[in-house]
Amino acid sequence: MQFDTTELISFMTNWSVILPALLTTVLMAILAQVLGIALGLVAALAGRSRNALVHGIAAVYVWIFRGTPVLVQILLLYFGVPVLLGGIDPFPTTYGSLPGLIGGAFVAATLALGVNEGAYMSEIIRAGILSVDSGQAEAAKSLGMTPRKTMSRIVLPQAMRVIVPPLGNEFNNMLKTTSLASVITVTELVMVAEMRYAGTFKPFEPLVGISLYYLAMTTIWGVIQSRIERKFGAGMNRNEEAGFWSRMLSMSRGAPHSGGVR
């Protein structure tokens, strides 16, 4: 058995199959990551709540979804939810006039990946919040700012310096984790590779091909991530921090200012 370069090139340039698979992979990764960030933020804030029930729900959520394999979560969601709903299938093959790639399997995989990601993002966001000096929140409180404004205007903007690097790594990982969606027949890169070698009986070439595509996607994202990190990593020097607090003081007193957050 020899490596067939012609088969590799033929597979990688079969654009009618590859391009939809790439689009599915990237779209699934983006939607799952956005959902994960939203759930992670809610869980992180809930975990800081003084309400025992809210805090407990957040802790159980993180415990379950960090402690079980994401592959099992995908399978449970896709096959288990219809059983729990008494035979009602929320994941049909198609959803009316929506594009074919956004079928039930795609939705189930995206939801499972997003919910799983939320558990990890919760810990990342929590670490970012804890990295901000608690004295700043106390100072904001003394100025009469509400906890919500303190969190949104003072704590979270500074926490982003800590949150952004691991967030970028999480999205890089998400691009690769979407490969698990093939187990419920989502037509992404792994699935098209499997369909290819099921007919040619040459598994090595398609697997090398999708590996190159994953490598290309993660490399491109790595370049984008490095630029984002440079922007946030610069941080605030003492002068910038003084200007930041000056704007906060102006806002708290209702004084006009330029370039501040409204």
Protein backbone atom coordinates (compact mmCIF):
# COMPACT_ATOMS: atom_id res chain seq x y z
CA MET A 1 0.00 0.00 0.00
CA GLN A 2 1.54 3.31 -1.12
CA PHE A 3 0.61 6.90 -0.49
CA ASP A 4 -1.43 8.22 -3.42
CA THR A 5 -0.59 11.88 -4.00
CA THR A 6 -3.13 12.11 -6.81
CA GLU A 7 -5.89 10.94 -4.46
CA LEU A 8 -4.83 13.52 -1.85
CA ILE A 9 -4.93 16.39 -4.35
CA SER A 10 -8.19 15.15 -5.84
CA PHE A 11 -9.81 15.05 -2.40
CA MET A 12 -8.48 18.41 -1.23
CA THR A 13 -9.55 20.20 -4.43
CA ASN A 14 -13.02 18.68 -4.60
CA TRP A 15 -14.46 22.11 -3.79
CA SER A 16 -18.11 21.14 -4.11
CA VAL A 17 -17.59 18.89 -1.08
CA ILE A 18 -14.74 20.58 0.78
CA LEU A 19 -16.06 24.15 0.86
CA PRO A 20 -19.44 23.29 2.47
CA ALA A 21 -17.59 21.10 4.99
CA LEU A 22 -15.20 23.95 5.82
CA LEU A 23 -18.11 26.37 6.16
CA THR A 24 -19.92 23.94 8.45
CA THR A 25 -16.82 23.49 10.61
CA VAL A 26 -16.10 27.22 10.98
CA LEU A 27 -19.76 28.19 11.51
CA MET A 28 -20.24 25.49 14.14
CA ALA A 29 -17.07 26.58 15.96
CA ILE A 30 -18.08 30.26 15.97
CA LEU A 31 -21.66 29.65 17.14
CA ALA A 32 -20.58 27.17 19.81
CA GLN A 33 -17.88 29.54 21.09
CA VAL A 34 -20.29 32.50 21.26
CA LEU A 35 -22.78 30.35 23.17
CA GLY A 36 -19.99 29.14 25.43
CA ILE A 37 -18.86 32.69 26.22
CA ALA A 38 -22.43 33.75 27.04
CA LEU A 39 -23.04 30.74 29.28
CA GLY A 40 -19.60 31.08 30.83
CA LEU A 41 -20.22 34.72 31.75
CA VAL A 42 -23.59 33.87 33.31
CA ALA A 43 -22.11 30.92 35.20
CA ALA A 44 -19.11 32.95 36.40
CA LEU A 45 -21.33 35.73 37.73
CA ALA A 46 -23.75 33.20 39.22
CA GLY A 47 -20.83 31.51 40.93
CA ARG A 48 -20.06 34.79 42.69
CA SER A 49 -23.66 35.22 43.82
CA ARG A 50 -24.46 35.28 47.52
CA ASN A 51 -27.65 33.36 46.77
CA ALA A 52 -26.90 29.76 47.71
CA LEU A 53 -29.30 28.32 45.10
CA VAL A 54 -27.86 30.36 42.23
CA HIS A 55 -24.31 29.61 43.32
CA GLY A 56 -25.15 25.91 43.64
CA ILE A 57 -26.70 25.68 40.16
CA ALA A 58 -23.60 27.28 38.63
CA ALA A 59 -21.30 24.92 40.54
CA VAL A 60 -23.27 21.83 39.47
CA TYR A 61 -23.32 23.00 35.84
CA VAL A 62 -19.54 23.41 35.78
CA TRP A 63 -19.03 20.13 37.63
CA ILE A 64 -21.15 18.08 35.22
CA PHE A 65 -19.98 19.52 31.92
CA ARG A 66 -16.30 19.63 32.85
CA GLY A 67 -16.45 16.15 34.29
CA THR A 68 -18.03 14.25 31.40
CA PRO A 69 -16.72 13.75 27.83
CA VAL A 70 -18.06 16.16 25.24
CA LEU A 71 -18.59 13.24 22.84
CA VAL A 72 -20.97 11.65 25.34
CA GLN A 73 -22.74 15.01 25.78
CA ILE A 74 -23.29 15.28 22.01
CA LEU A 75 -24.74 11.78 21.84
CA LEU A 76 -26.93 12.31 24.91
CA LEU A 77 -28.34 15.55 23.55
CA TYR A 78 -28.99 14.25 20.04
CA PHE A 79 -30.44 10.87 20.98
CA GLY A 80 -31.62 11.50 24.53
CA VAL A 81 -33.66 14.69 24.28
CA PRO A 82 -36.26 13.19 21.88
CA VAL A 83 -36.73 10.34 24.38
CA LEU A 84 -37.20 12.78 27.27
CA LEU A 85 -39.70 14.75 25.18
CA GLY A 86 -41.82 11.67 24.57
CA GLY A 87 -40.86 11.17 20.94
CA ILE A 88 -40.90 14.84 19.91
CA ASP A 89 -37.73 15.38 17.89
CA PRO A 90 -36.30 18.92 18.23
CA PHE A 91 -33.52 17.95 15.83
CA PRO A 92 -35.16 17.10 12.49
CA THR A 93 -33.10 16.63 9.34
CA THR A 94 -34.02 20.11 8.08
CA TYR A 95 -35.69 23.21 9.46
CA GLY A 96 -38.01 24.40 6.73
CA SER A 97 -36.37 27.00 4.50
CA LEU A 98 -33.11 27.21 6.45
CA PRO A 99 -29.95 26.17 4.56
CA GLY A 100 -29.43 22.44 4.42
CA LEU A 101 -26.24 22.51 6.46
CA ILE A 102 -28.22 23.87 9.45
CA GLY A 103 -30.05 20.65 10.17
CA GLY A 104 -30.94 18.97 13.44
CA ALA A 105 -27.58 17.24 13.79
CA PHE A 106 -25.78 20.56 13.27
CA VAL A 107 -27.95 22.29 15.89
CA ALA A 108 -27.53 19.46 18.41
CA ALA A 109 -23.75 19.36 17.99
CA THR A 110 -23.46 23.15 18.24
CA LEU A 111 -25.59 23.26 21.40
CA ALA A 112 -23.62 20.45 23.02
CA LEU A 113 -20.28 22.03 22.16
CA GLY A 114 -21.47 25.45 23.35
CA VAL A 115 -22.83 24.19 26.67
CA ASN A 116 -19.66 22.21 27.27
CA GLU A 117 -17.53 25.24 26.41
CA GLY A 118 -19.54 27.39 28.80
CA ALA A 119 -18.30 25.32 31.74
CA TYR A 120 -14.67 26.00 30.79
CA MET A 121 -15.29 29.66 29.96
CA SER A 122 -16.88 30.09 33.37
CA GLU A 123 -13.59 29.25 35.04
CA ILE A 124 -11.62 31.44 32.63
CA ILE A 125 -13.89 34.43 33.22
CA ARG A 126 -13.88 33.82 36.97
CA ALA A 127 -10.08 33.86 36.95
CA GLY A 128 -10.11 37.09 34.96
CA ILE A 129 -12.49 38.75 37.42
CA LEU A 130 -10.39 37.64 40.38
CA SER A 131 -7.29 39.11 38.74
CA VAL A 132 -8.72 42.62 39.10
CA ASP A 133 -7.77 44.30 42.36
CA SER A 134 -10.80 44.14 44.66
CA GLY A 135 -9.97 47.63 45.84
CA GLN A 136 -11.16 49.01 42.52
CA ALA A 137 -14.62 47.53 43.02
CA GLU A 138 -14.67 48.96 46.53
CA ALA A 139 -13.69 52.38 45.18
CA ALA A 140 -16.46 52.20 42.59
CA LYS A 141 -18.94 51.27 45.31
CA SER A 142 -17.86 54.26 47.38
CA LEU A 143 -18.57 56.46 44.35
CA GLY A 144 -22.13 55.18 44.28
CA MET A 145 -21.82 52.88 41.28
CA THR A 146 -24.16 49.89 41.24
CA PRO A 147 -22.68 46.37 41.25
CA ARG A 148 -23.82 45.91 37.64
CA LYS A 149 -22.09 49.07 36.45
CA THR A 150 -19.01 48.22 38.47
CA MET A 151 -18.79 44.83 36.83
CA SER A 152 -19.52 46.00 33.27
CA ARG A 153 -17.53 49.25 33.27
CA ILE A 154 -14.61 48.59 35.59
CA VAL A 155 -14.02 44.92 36.38
CA LEU A 156 -14.75 43.16 33.08
CA PRO A 157 -12.83 45.61 30.84
CA GLN A 158 -9.70 45.06 32.93
CA ALA A 159 -10.34 41.33 33.28
CA MET A 160 -10.26 41.03 29.48
CA ARG A 161 -6.45 41.21 29.61
CA VAL A 162 -6.50 37.87 31.44
CA ILE A 163 -9.51 36.39 29.63
CA VAL A 164 -8.49 36.99 26.01
CA PRO A 165 -5.41 34.69 25.73
CA PRO A 166 -7.14 31.52 27.01
CA LEU A 167 -10.28 32.50 25.12
CA GLY A 168 -8.28 32.48 21.90
CA ASN A 169 -6.86 29.07 22.80
CA GLU A 170 -10.35 27.78 23.51
CA PHE A 171 -11.56 28.81 20.06
CA ASN A 172 -8.52 27.18 18.50
CA ASN A 173 -9.46 24.00 20.32
CA MET A 174 -13.11 24.41 19.32
CA LEU A 175 -12.18 24.37 15.63
CA LYS A 176 -10.73 20.90 16.18
CA THR A 177 -13.40 19.64 18.58
CA THR A 178 -16.09 20.15 15.92
CA SER A 179 -14.70 16.95 14.38
CA LEU A 180 -16.68 15.04 17.03
CA ALA A 181 -19.90 16.15 15.32
CA SER A 182 -19.28 13.53 12.67
CA VAL A 183 -20.62 10.86 15.06
CA ILE A 184 -24.13 12.25 14.55
CA THR A 185 -23.62 12.66 10.77
CA VAL A 186 -22.86 16.39 10.62
CA THR A 187 -21.21 16.88 7.24
CA GLU A 188 -18.03 18.56 8.38
CA LEU A 189 -14.43 17.73 7.46
CA VAL A 190 -14.15 14.38 9.22
CA MET A 191 -17.45 13.21 7.79
CA VAL A 192 -16.50 14.03 4.19
CA ALA A 193 -13.18 12.24 4.70
CA GLU A 194 -15.00 9.17 5.98
CA MET A 195 -17.39 9.23 3.03
CA ARG A 196 -14.46 9.55 0.65
CA TYR A 197 -12.45 6.60 1.89
CA ALA A 198 -15.58 4.47 2.29
CA GLY A 199 -15.71 4.50 -1.50
CA THR A 200 -12.01 4.46 -2.36
CA PHE A 201 -10.74 2.27 0.51
CA LYS A 202 -7.86 4.75 0.87
CA PRO A 203 -8.23 6.27 4.34
CA PHE A 204 -4.75 7.77 4.69
CA GLU A 205 -5.01 10.41 1.95
CA PRO A 206 -8.35 11.98 3.04
CA LEU A 207 -7.22 12.00 6.68
CA VAL A 208 -3.99 13.76 5.72
CA GLY A 209 -6.05 16.19 3.64
CA ILE A 210 -8.37 17.22 6.46
CA SER A 211 -5.39 17.45 8.82
CA LEU A 212 -3.88 20.04 6.48
CA TYR A 213 -7.15 21.97 6.43
CA TYR A 214 -7.38 21.93 10.23
CA LEU A 215 -3.75 23.06 10.40
CA ALA A 216 -4.49 25.91 7.99
CA MET A 217 -7.52 27.07 10.00
CA THR A 218 -5.74 26.97 13.35
CA THR A 219 -2.71 28.74 11.88
CA ILE A 220 -4.85 31.55 10.47
CA TRP A 221 -6.63 31.87 13.80
CA GLY A 222 -3.26 31.87 15.58
CA VAL A 223 -2.22 34.96 13.60
CA ILE A 224 -5.51 36.70 14.39
CA GLN A 225 -5.25 35.71 18.04
CA SER A 226 -1.72 37.09 18.37
CA ARG A 227 -2.89 40.47 17.11
CA ILE A 228 -5.84 40.50 19.51
CA GLU A 229 -3.57 39.57 22.40
CA ARG A 230 -1.14 42.35 21.54
CA LYS A 231 -4.01 44.81 21.65
CA PHE A 232 -5.27 43.66 25.05
CA GLY A 233 -1.90 42.56 26.39
CA ALA A 234 -0.54 46.06 26.20
CA GLY A 235 -2.70 46.67 29.24
CA MET A 236 -3.00 49.96 31.00
CA ASN A 237 0.09 51.73 32.24
CA ARG A 238 -0.14 54.11 35.15
CA ASN A 239 -1.12 57.07 33.03
CA GLU A 240 -3.80 55.10 31.23
CA GLU A 241 -5.14 53.80 34.52
CA ALA A 242 -5.26 57.31 35.92
CA GLY A 243 -7.17 58.44 32.84
CA PHE A 244 -9.50 55.48 33.22
CA TRP A 245 -10.37 56.40 36.79
CA SER A 246 -10.72 60.04 35.84
CA ARG A 247 -13.39 59.06 33.34
CA MET A 248 -15.08 56.87 35.95
CA LEU A 249 -15.16 59.77 38.41
CA SER A 250 -16.61 62.06 35.74
CA MET A 251 -19.29 59.52 34.92
CA SER A 252 -20.22 59.02 38.56
CA ARG A 253 -20.60 62.79 39.04
CA GLY A 254 -22.49 63.26 35.80
CA ALA A 255 -19.82 65.55 34.36
CA PRO A 256 -19.35 65.64 30.57
CA HIS A 257 -16.36 63.82 29.19
CA SER A 258 -15.00 62.85 25.83
CA GLY A 259 -14.36 59.35 24.57
CA GLY A 260 -15.84 57.63 27.63
CA VAL A 261 -18.35 54.84 27.84
CA ARG A 262 -21.93 56.03 27.78
